[in-house]
Amino acid sequence: MKQKVCIIGLGYVGLPLACLASKVHDVIGLDIDGKKVDLINQKMSPVSEKHTESLLQSSTLIASTDFTKINDANIIVVCVPTPIDDKQLPDLKPLIGATTSVASHMKKGQILIIESTIHPGTCEEIVIPLVESITHLKHDHDFHVVHCPERIDPGNMKWTIQNIPRVIGSKNPHASQAAHDFYTSFIDANFIILNSLKAAEATKIMENTFRDINIAFINEMAMSFDVLGIDIIEVIKGASTKPFAFMPHFPGPGVGGHCIPVDPYYLIEKAKTNGFSHRFLSLAREINNSMPDYVFKIIQNELNNINLPLKGTRIGILGYAYKKNIGDARETPAHRLIHLLHEQGSTVHIYDPFVPQESTHLSLASILNDSDLVVFVTDHDEFTQMDYTLLKNNKTKVVIDPRNVLDQEKIISLGLKHRGVGRGH
């Protein structure tokens, strides 16, 4: 059945969802950013992500800043960010603000779906009471709240919003089924209905914390193997031959993005208020947050080996985005690394073809010409597929490869110094 839908928040999560849903339903996308709304209505994506850009071109989505449109909707979906603040504490202000705006225009009979990543208990302790206080409607009698945590992997063309399995949870089985019917009308993926709101809320936190823990494990192993003179890539290759109970993860300069470096804090802080301490999760966060500092120490050591100081030496940072082939720089480890280099007086150059606003150079050739040492922070295709003779011709003295994505043997064969993470030295 065709629904009238309002989707709140037109970023990396809400925009592709709104575009896809508009193929089947009457969809209004709402956002407080008027410039973003104008771009979307001109079919220009404010999100630098190929799949989203493609969806927008073929969609009938109408974007607006007029939240009174909510009154006409059957289904309202909130997709606003849930970041952390500078003290690494969960920041629910965007969700609370969006919920307040939505509730001001809600009517009896609507379903409110929260896709934002939240700690267990947020819907029952914050969202529902807030809506009830503003609307004077009663939850599960006059309106329903459902949680369907977003699953978006920017830049992944195999697993997109159209085919990634999802979970749904609410306090009312009929509301869960209605949300299930809504999503499966335009998404070709399996949706599992869980028995509670809290279970659905905890699902997203658990899956991203799982990744954070495993990345922290492999990062710690890499630092250990550097001391022991063991090549971690060879070890991962060997361990991956086990056909069960091993899932390869790889070291890097740190964890970025909108999920993995953020979501664990939501569970850490929520558990703390209930008297439980997540020591394991906290340690994983500590390890992954320390990786830019570890890369900085590698740079310092390699410069010492060739009798160059950090102060005044030209350092080329290749890549600013948190992952390959996208322009998303949220929580990027490059930010911390660049800060550390600036503190020591290094001359820092930056080139990222997907993040030109943070780049000091507009081409690979120009930054190589101006750098004594280069750090491949992001594994963009332009970098991993480059002709290594460019490094030699520009007299690059040291190549730092924190993600171990370059061909070490080829670089060394050109007479250049290559240093990865966890490759022994």
Protein backbone atom coordinates (compact mmCIF):
# COMPACT_ATOMS: atom_id res chain seq x y z
CA MET A 1 0.00 0.00 0.00
CA LYS A 2 1.30 3.44 -0.94
CA GLN A 3 2.22 5.45 2.14
CA LYS A 4 2.79 9.13 2.83
CA VAL A 5 6.25 9.31 4.34
CA CYS A 6 8.41 12.00 5.95
CA ILE A 7 12.11 11.27 6.37
CA ILE A 8 13.94 13.57 8.79
CA GLY A 9 17.63 14.19 8.14
CA LEU A 10 19.01 14.06 4.59
CA GLY A 11 22.59 12.94 5.14
CA TYR A 12 24.44 9.70 4.48
CA VAL A 13 21.55 7.68 5.95
CA GLY A 14 18.38 9.63 5.30
CA LEU A 15 19.04 10.76 1.73
CA PRO A 16 19.52 7.33 0.09
CA LEU A 17 16.60 5.96 2.13
CA ALA A 18 14.34 8.82 1.00
CA CYS A 19 15.42 8.42 -2.63
CA LEU A 20 14.72 4.70 -2.61
CA ALA A 21 11.41 4.98 -0.76
CA SER A 22 10.20 7.65 -3.20
CA LYS A 23 10.12 5.02 -5.96
CA VAL A 24 7.14 3.42 -4.19
CA HIS A 25 5.73 5.96 -1.73
CA ASP A 26 4.94 9.67 -1.54
CA VAL A 27 8.05 10.92 0.24
CA ILE A 28 9.00 14.31 1.64
CA GLY A 29 12.56 14.64 2.89
CA LEU A 30 12.94 17.15 5.71
CA ASP A 31 16.13 18.86 6.87
CA ILE A 32 16.91 22.06 8.78
CA ASP A 33 19.71 22.90 6.30
CA GLY A 34 18.14 25.00 3.55
CA LYS A 35 21.23 24.83 1.32
CA LYS A 36 21.15 21.04 1.45
CA VAL A 37 17.43 21.03 0.60
CA ASP A 38 18.01 23.31 -2.40
CA LEU A 39 20.79 21.07 -3.72
CA ILE A 40 18.65 17.95 -3.43
CA ASN A 41 15.74 19.56 -5.27
CA GLN A 42 18.21 20.38 -8.07
CA LYS A 43 19.25 16.69 -8.14
CA MET A 44 22.64 17.59 -6.71
CA SER A 45 23.68 15.31 -3.86
CA PRO A 46 25.17 17.00 -0.78
CA VAL A 47 26.56 13.56 0.08
CA SER A 48 29.73 12.55 -1.77
CA GLU A 49 28.83 8.90 -2.34
CA LYS A 50 28.30 7.30 -5.76
CA HIS A 51 25.33 5.10 -4.91
CA THR A 52 23.45 7.97 -3.26
CA GLU A 53 24.18 10.25 -6.22
CA SER A 54 22.76 7.61 -8.58
CA LEU A 55 19.63 7.08 -6.47
CA LEU A 56 18.94 10.81 -6.35
CA GLN A 57 19.05 11.16 -10.12
CA SER A 58 16.24 8.61 -10.61
CA SER A 59 14.12 9.56 -7.59
CA THR A 60 10.95 11.64 -7.25
CA LEU A 61 12.04 12.88 -3.82
CA ILE A 62 10.95 16.35 -2.74
CA ALA A 63 13.07 17.98 -0.04
CA SER A 64 11.81 20.69 2.31
CA THR A 65 12.50 22.58 5.52
CA ASP A 66 8.77 22.74 6.30
CA PHE A 67 8.14 20.40 9.23
CA THR A 68 4.36 20.96 9.06
CA LYS A 69 4.47 18.35 6.28
CA ILE A 70 4.73 15.76 9.08
CA ASN A 71 1.04 16.17 9.80
CA ASP A 72 0.17 14.56 6.46
CA ALA A 73 2.39 11.49 6.88
CA ASN A 74 1.51 7.94 7.86
CA ILE A 75 5.13 7.05 8.57
CA ILE A 76 7.89 9.31 9.93
CA VAL A 77 11.51 8.15 9.84
CA VAL A 78 14.21 9.95 11.84
CA CYS A 79 17.74 9.64 10.43
CA VAL A 80 19.69 12.34 12.26
CA PRO A 81 23.28 11.83 13.48
CA THR A 82 24.08 10.70 17.02
CA PRO A 83 27.69 11.80 17.50
CA ILE A 84 29.94 12.07 20.52
CA ASP A 85 31.20 15.31 22.02
CA ASP A 86 34.79 16.38 22.65
CA LYS A 87 34.77 14.38 25.90
CA GLN A 88 33.70 11.24 24.00
CA LEU A 89 30.26 11.32 25.60
CA PRO A 90 27.12 10.51 23.57
CA ASP A 91 25.45 13.60 22.15
CA LEU A 92 21.71 13.05 21.74
CA LYS A 93 20.92 16.72 21.08
CA PRO A 94 20.29 16.17 17.32
CA LEU A 95 17.88 13.30 18.09
CA ILE A 96 16.11 15.23 20.84
CA GLY A 97 15.83 18.27 18.59
CA ALA A 98 14.46 16.23 15.71
CA THR A 99 12.00 14.40 17.96
CA THR A 100 10.79 17.72 19.38
CA SER A 101 10.25 19.13 15.89
CA VAL A 102 8.46 15.97 14.75
CA ALA A 103 6.23 15.74 17.81
CA SER A 104 5.11 19.33 17.35
CA HIS A 105 3.34 18.27 14.16
CA MET A 106 2.32 14.68 14.88
CA LYS A 107 -1.23 13.38 14.88
CA LYS A 108 -3.00 10.24 16.05
CA GLY A 109 -2.29 7.02 14.17
CA GLN A 110 1.26 7.70 12.97
CA ILE A 111 4.29 5.41 13.19
CA LEU A 112 7.57 7.04 14.21
CA ILE A 113 10.64 5.03 13.16
CA ILE A 114 14.04 5.90 14.63
CA GLU A 115 17.01 4.86 12.45
CA SER A 116 19.63 6.87 14.33
CA THR A 117 22.14 4.79 16.31
CA ILE A 118 21.19 4.96 19.99
CA HIS A 119 22.00 3.19 23.23
CA PRO A 120 19.53 0.61 24.59
CA GLY A 121 16.65 2.33 26.33
CA THR A 122 16.73 5.59 24.36
CA CYS A 123 13.33 5.11 22.72
CA GLU A 124 11.58 4.17 25.96
CA GLU A 125 13.39 6.64 28.20
CA ILE A 126 13.72 9.68 25.93
CA VAL A 127 11.84 9.50 22.60
CA ILE A 128 8.46 8.14 23.75
CA PRO A 129 8.15 10.36 26.87
CA LEU A 130 9.14 13.41 24.80
CA VAL A 131 6.51 12.73 22.14
CA GLU A 132 3.86 12.02 24.76
CA SER A 133 4.63 15.25 26.64
CA ILE A 134 4.40 17.41 23.50
CA THR A 135 1.46 15.72 21.74
CA HIS A 136 -0.52 14.53 24.77
CA LEU A 137 -1.01 11.32 22.78
CA LYS A 138 -0.48 7.91 24.35
CA HIS A 139 2.16 5.55 23.00
CA ASP A 140 0.88 2.22 21.65
CA HIS A 141 -2.63 3.63 21.64
CA ASP A 142 -2.40 6.84 19.61
CA PHE A 143 1.03 6.43 17.99
CA HIS A 144 3.82 3.84 17.77
CA VAL A 145 7.60 4.07 17.98
CA VAL A 146 9.75 1.54 16.10
CA HIS A 147 13.52 1.23 15.95
CA CYS A 148 15.19 0.07 12.73
CA PRO A 149 18.90 0.88 13.09
CA GLU A 150 20.51 2.10 9.89
CA ARG A 151 23.09 0.02 8.11
CA ILE A 152 25.07 2.08 5.62
CA ASP A 153 28.57 1.37 4.34
CA PRO A 154 29.55 4.43 2.25
CA GLY A 155 31.37 3.50 -0.93
CA ASN A 156 30.39 -0.19 -0.78
CA MET A 157 28.73 -0.96 -4.12
CA LYS A 158 28.07 -4.63 -3.27
CA TRP A 159 26.22 -4.08 0.01
CA THR A 160 24.00 -1.02 -0.33
CA ILE A 161 20.85 0.25 1.34
CA GLN A 162 18.91 -1.83 -1.19
CA ASN A 163 20.17 -5.24 -0.08
CA ILE A 164 21.68 -5.08 3.43
CA PRO A 165 19.59 -7.14 5.91
CA ARG A 166 18.06 -5.12 8.75
CA VAL A 167 16.40 -5.56 12.14
CA ILE A 168 13.21 -4.03 13.50
CA GLY A 169 11.99 -3.75 17.09
CA SER A 170 9.11 -2.13 18.96
CA LYS A 171 6.83 -2.66 21.94
CA ASN A 172 3.94 -3.58 19.65
CA PRO A 173 4.03 -6.53 17.20
CA HIS A 174 1.55 -4.83 14.89
CA ALA A 175 3.74 -1.72 14.68
CA SER A 176 6.79 -3.89 13.92
CA GLN A 177 4.88 -5.64 11.15
CA ALA A 178 3.73 -2.32 9.69
CA ALA A 179 7.34 -1.09 9.64
CA HIS A 180 8.41 -4.41 8.09
CA ASP A 181 5.82 -4.04 5.33
CA PHE A 182 6.93 -0.47 4.69
CA TYR A 183 10.63 -1.28 4.31
CA THR A 184 10.20 -4.46 2.29
CA SER A 185 8.03 -2.58 -0.22
CA PHE A 186 11.17 -0.90 -1.60
CA ILE A 187 14.17 -2.75 -0.11
CA ASP A 188 15.05 -6.22 -1.38
CA ALA A 189 16.59 -7.58 1.82
CA ASN A 190 15.69 -9.71 4.80
CA PHE A 191 14.18 -7.82 7.76
CA ILE A 192 14.13 -9.61 11.10
CA ILE A 193 11.62 -8.52 13.74
CA LEU A 194 13.05 -8.62 17.26
CA ASN A 195 10.98 -8.83 20.43
CA SER A 196 11.78 -5.44 21.91
CA LEU A 197 12.97 -1.91 21.26
CA LYS A 198 16.03 -2.44 23.45
CA ALA A 199 17.11 -5.53 21.49
CA ALA A 200 16.98 -3.57 18.23
CA GLU A 201 18.83 -0.64 19.80
CA ALA A 202 21.55 -2.95 21.13
CA THR A 203 22.00 -4.73 17.79
CA LYS A 204 23.67 -1.81 16.02
CA ILE A 205 25.88 -1.09 19.02
CA MET A 206 26.98 -4.72 19.24
CA GLU A 207 27.83 -5.17 15.56
CA ASN A 208 29.98 -2.03 15.39
CA THR A 209 31.60 -2.70 18.76
CA PHE A 210 32.49 -6.17 17.46
CA ARG A 211 34.39 -4.55 14.61
CA ASP A 212 36.06 -2.02 16.90
CA ILE A 213 37.29 -4.75 19.23
CA ASN A 214 38.67 -6.88 16.40
CA ILE A 215 40.40 -3.92 14.79
CA ALA A 216 41.92 -3.03 18.16
CA PHE A 217 43.12 -6.61 18.53
CA ILE A 218 44.85 -6.59 15.15
CA ASN A 219 46.31 -3.13 15.77
CA GLU A 220 47.81 -4.31 19.04
CA MET A 221 49.17 -7.43 17.34
CA ALA A 222 50.71 -5.20 14.65
CA MET A 223 52.49 -3.05 17.23
CA SER A 224 53.73 -6.21 18.96
CA PHE A 225 54.95 -7.71 15.68
CA ASP A 226 56.86 -4.53 14.88
CA VAL A 227 58.84 -5.16 18.06
CA LEU A 228 59.24 -8.88 17.39
CA GLY A 229 60.20 -8.49 13.73
CA ILE A 230 57.23 -10.48 12.39
CA ASP A 231 55.27 -9.63 9.24
CA ILE A 232 51.60 -9.42 10.27
CA ILE A 233 50.39 -9.73 6.66
CA GLU A 234 52.08 -13.13 6.44
CA VAL A 235 50.54 -14.16 9.76
CA ILE A 236 47.04 -13.09 8.68
CA LYS A 237 47.53 -15.01 5.44
CA GLY A 238 48.40 -18.09 7.43
CA ALA A 239 45.62 -17.72 10.00
CA SER A 240 43.04 -17.19 7.24
CA THR A 241 43.55 -20.75 6.04
CA LYS A 242 41.61 -21.94 9.09
CA PRO A 243 38.09 -22.57 7.71
CA PHE A 244 36.28 -21.65 10.94
CA ALA A 245 36.49 -19.30 13.96
CA PHE A 246 38.86 -16.78 12.34
CA MET A 247 37.84 -13.57 10.58
CA PRO A 248 40.70 -11.51 9.12
CA HIS A 249 40.99 -7.88 10.16
CA PHE A 250 43.84 -5.56 9.21
CA PRO A 251 45.82 -2.85 11.02
CA GLY A 252 45.72 0.80 10.05
CA PRO A 253 46.30 4.40 11.12
CA GLY A 254 43.15 4.48 13.26
CA VAL A 255 39.39 4.04 12.97
CA GLY A 256 37.13 6.66 11.40
CA GLY A 257 33.61 7.12 10.16
CA HIS A 258 30.20 7.66 11.67
CA CYS A 259 29.84 4.29 13.43
CA ILE A 260 32.82 2.30 14.70
CA PRO A 261 34.65 5.05 16.62
CA VAL A 262 31.38 6.43 18.00
CA ASP A 263 28.90 3.65 18.78
CA PRO A 264 30.88 1.88 21.52
CA TYR A 265 30.75 5.02 23.67
CA TYR A 266 26.96 4.87 23.67
CA LEU A 267 27.03 1.45 25.32
CA ILE A 268 29.99 2.30 27.57
CA GLU A 269 28.23 5.34 29.01
CA LYS A 270 24.80 3.71 29.25
CA ALA A 271 26.22 0.72 31.12
CA LYS A 272 28.15 3.06 33.43
CA THR A 273 24.92 4.77 34.53
CA ASN A 274 23.61 1.31 35.46
CA GLY A 275 26.68 0.34 37.49
CA PHE A 276 28.55 -1.74 34.88
CA SER A 277 32.02 -0.97 33.51
CA HIS A 278 32.88 -2.03 29.95
CA ARG A 279 36.62 -2.50 30.42
CA PHE A 280 37.07 -4.46 27.17
CA LEU A 281 35.20 -1.91 25.03
CA SER A 282 37.02 0.99 26.66
CA LEU A 283 40.41 -0.62 26.02
CA ALA A 284 39.55 -1.21 22.36
CA ARG A 285 38.66 2.47 22.01
CA GLU A 286 41.92 3.44 23.72
CA ILE A 287 44.00 1.27 21.36
CA ASN A 288 42.30 2.44 18.18
CA ASN A 289 42.43 6.08 19.24
CA SER A 290 46.18 5.72 19.81
CA MET A 291 47.00 4.57 16.27
CA PRO A 292 47.60 8.05 14.78
CA ASP A 293 50.10 8.60 17.60
CA TYR A 294 51.77 5.28 16.73
CA VAL A 295 52.05 6.31 13.06
CA PHE A 296 53.50 9.62 14.20
CA LYS A 297 56.20 7.73 16.16
CA ILE A 298 56.99 5.66 13.06
CA ILE A 299 57.44 8.87 11.06
CA GLN A 300 59.68 10.30 13.77
CA ASN A 301 61.84 7.15 13.92
CA GLU A 302 62.20 6.90 10.14
CA LEU A 303 63.26 10.54 9.90
CA ASN A 304 65.78 9.97 12.69
CA ASN A 305 67.21 7.06 10.69
CA ILE A 306 67.99 9.39 7.79
CA ASN A 307 69.08 12.28 10.02
CA LEU A 308 66.12 14.54 9.30
CA PRO A 309 64.22 16.45 12.00
CA LEU A 310 60.45 16.63 12.22
CA LYS A 311 60.65 20.42 12.30
CA GLY A 312 60.70 21.82 8.80
CA THR A 313 60.66 18.46 7.01
CA ARG A 314 58.06 18.26 4.27
CA ILE A 315 55.50 15.55 5.08
CA GLY A 316 52.98 14.55 2.41
CA ILE A 317 49.67 13.16 3.71
CA LEU A 318 48.01 11.11 0.98
CA GLY A 319 44.35 10.77 1.90
CA TYR A 320 42.17 12.60 4.40
CA ALA A 321 38.92 10.59 4.18
CA TYR A 322 38.42 7.82 6.71
CA LYS A 323 38.06 5.12 4.02
CA LYS A 324 38.83 4.56 0.36
CA ASN A 325 37.15 6.24 -2.60
CA ILE A 326 34.68 8.42 -0.66
CA GLY A 327 34.70 12.02 0.57
CA ASP A 328 33.62 11.22 4.14
CA ALA A 329 36.11 12.58 6.67
CA ARG A 330 34.07 12.08 9.86
CA GLU A 331 36.33 10.98 12.75
CA THR A 332 39.21 10.50 10.30
CA PRO A 333 42.52 9.51 11.92
CA ALA A 334 44.24 11.88 9.49
CA HIS A 335 43.08 14.82 11.59
CA ARG A 336 44.95 13.68 14.71
CA LEU A 337 48.10 12.74 12.75
CA ILE A 338 48.23 16.11 11.01
CA HIS A 339 47.76 17.87 14.36
CA LEU A 340 50.71 15.98 15.86
CA LEU A 341 52.94 16.85 12.89
CA HIS A 342 51.99 20.52 13.04
CA GLU A 343 52.81 20.57 16.76
CA GLN A 344 56.37 19.51 15.95
CA GLY A 345 56.81 22.10 13.22
CA SER A 346 56.62 19.79 10.21
CA THR A 347 55.64 21.28 6.88
CA VAL A 348 52.49 19.28 6.19
CA HIS A 349 51.03 18.89 2.70
CA ILE A 350 47.71 17.12 2.09
CA TYR A 351 46.16 15.62 -1.03
CA ASP A 352 42.85 13.78 -1.16
CA PRO A 353 40.97 13.75 -4.49
CA PHE A 354 37.71 13.13 -2.61
CA VAL A 355 38.23 15.80 0.07
CA PRO A 356 39.55 18.84 -1.87
CA GLN A 357 38.46 21.25 0.87
CA GLU A 358 41.13 19.80 3.19
CA SER A 359 43.80 19.43 0.51
CA THR A 360 46.76 21.75 0.09
CA HIS A 361 47.61 20.19 -3.28
CA LEU A 362 45.38 19.32 -6.23
CA SER A 363 47.30 16.40 -7.71
CA LEU A 364 49.40 13.42 -6.73
CA ALA A 365 52.32 14.66 -8.82
CA SER A 366 52.39 18.05 -7.11
CA ILE A 367 52.35 16.71 -3.54
CA LEU A 368 55.06 14.14 -4.31
CA ASN A 369 57.21 16.91 -5.74
CA ASP A 370 56.86 18.84 -2.47
CA SER A 371 57.35 16.00 0.05
CA ASP A 372 60.39 14.35 1.59
CA LEU A 373 58.33 11.66 3.33
CA VAL A 374 54.84 10.51 2.31
CA VAL A 375 52.18 8.81 4.44
CA PHE A 376 49.45 6.82 2.69
CA VAL A 377 46.70 7.44 5.24
CA THR A 378 43.80 6.42 2.96
CA ASP A 379 43.85 3.60 0.43
CA HIS A 380 42.16 5.41 -2.47
CA ASP A 381 42.54 3.60 -5.80
CA GLU A 382 44.53 6.52 -7.17
CA PHE A 383 47.17 5.82 -4.53
CA THR A 384 47.22 2.03 -4.47
CA GLN A 385 47.36 1.82 -8.27
CA MET A 386 49.97 4.51 -8.74
CA ASP A 387 53.19 4.09 -10.68
CA TYR A 388 55.83 3.75 -7.96
CA THR A 389 58.47 5.30 -10.17
CA LEU A 390 56.76 8.61 -9.37
CA LEU A 391 58.07 8.19 -5.84
CA LYS A 392 61.59 7.56 -7.03
CA ASN A 393 61.54 10.37 -9.62
CA ASN A 394 60.42 12.84 -6.97
CA LYS A 395 63.22 11.67 -4.66
CA THR A 396 60.86 10.50 -1.93
CA LYS A 397 63.05 9.48 0.97
CA VAL A 398 60.57 7.39 3.01
CA VAL A 399 57.18 5.80 2.26
CA ILE A 400 54.94 5.21 5.31
CA ASP A 401 52.15 2.73 4.60
CA PRO A 402 49.96 2.32 7.73
CA ARG A 403 47.34 0.22 5.93
CA ASN A 404 49.93 -2.04 4.25
CA VAL A 405 48.24 -1.61 0.86
CA LEU A 406 51.31 -0.88 -1.25
CA ASP A 407 53.64 -3.41 -2.85
CA GLN A 408 56.47 -3.38 -0.35
CA GLU A 409 58.86 -5.40 -2.50
CA LYS A 410 58.44 -3.16 -5.56
CA ILE A 411 59.00 -0.01 -3.53
CA ILE A 412 62.12 -1.42 -1.88
CA SER A 413 63.39 -2.63 -5.27
CA LEU A 414 63.36 0.98 -6.44
CA GLY A 415 65.78 1.82 -3.65
CA LEU A 416 63.14 3.48 -1.47
CA LYS A 417 62.50 3.02 2.23
CA HIS A 418 59.08 1.45 2.94
CA ARG A 419 57.59 1.16 6.41
CA GLY A 420 54.22 -0.43 7.10
CA VAL A 421 52.48 -1.23 10.39
CA GLY A 422 53.13 -4.67 11.82
CA ARG A 423 55.54 -5.67 9.06
CA GLY A 424 58.58 -5.90 11.36
CA HIS A 425 61.53 -3.58 10.90
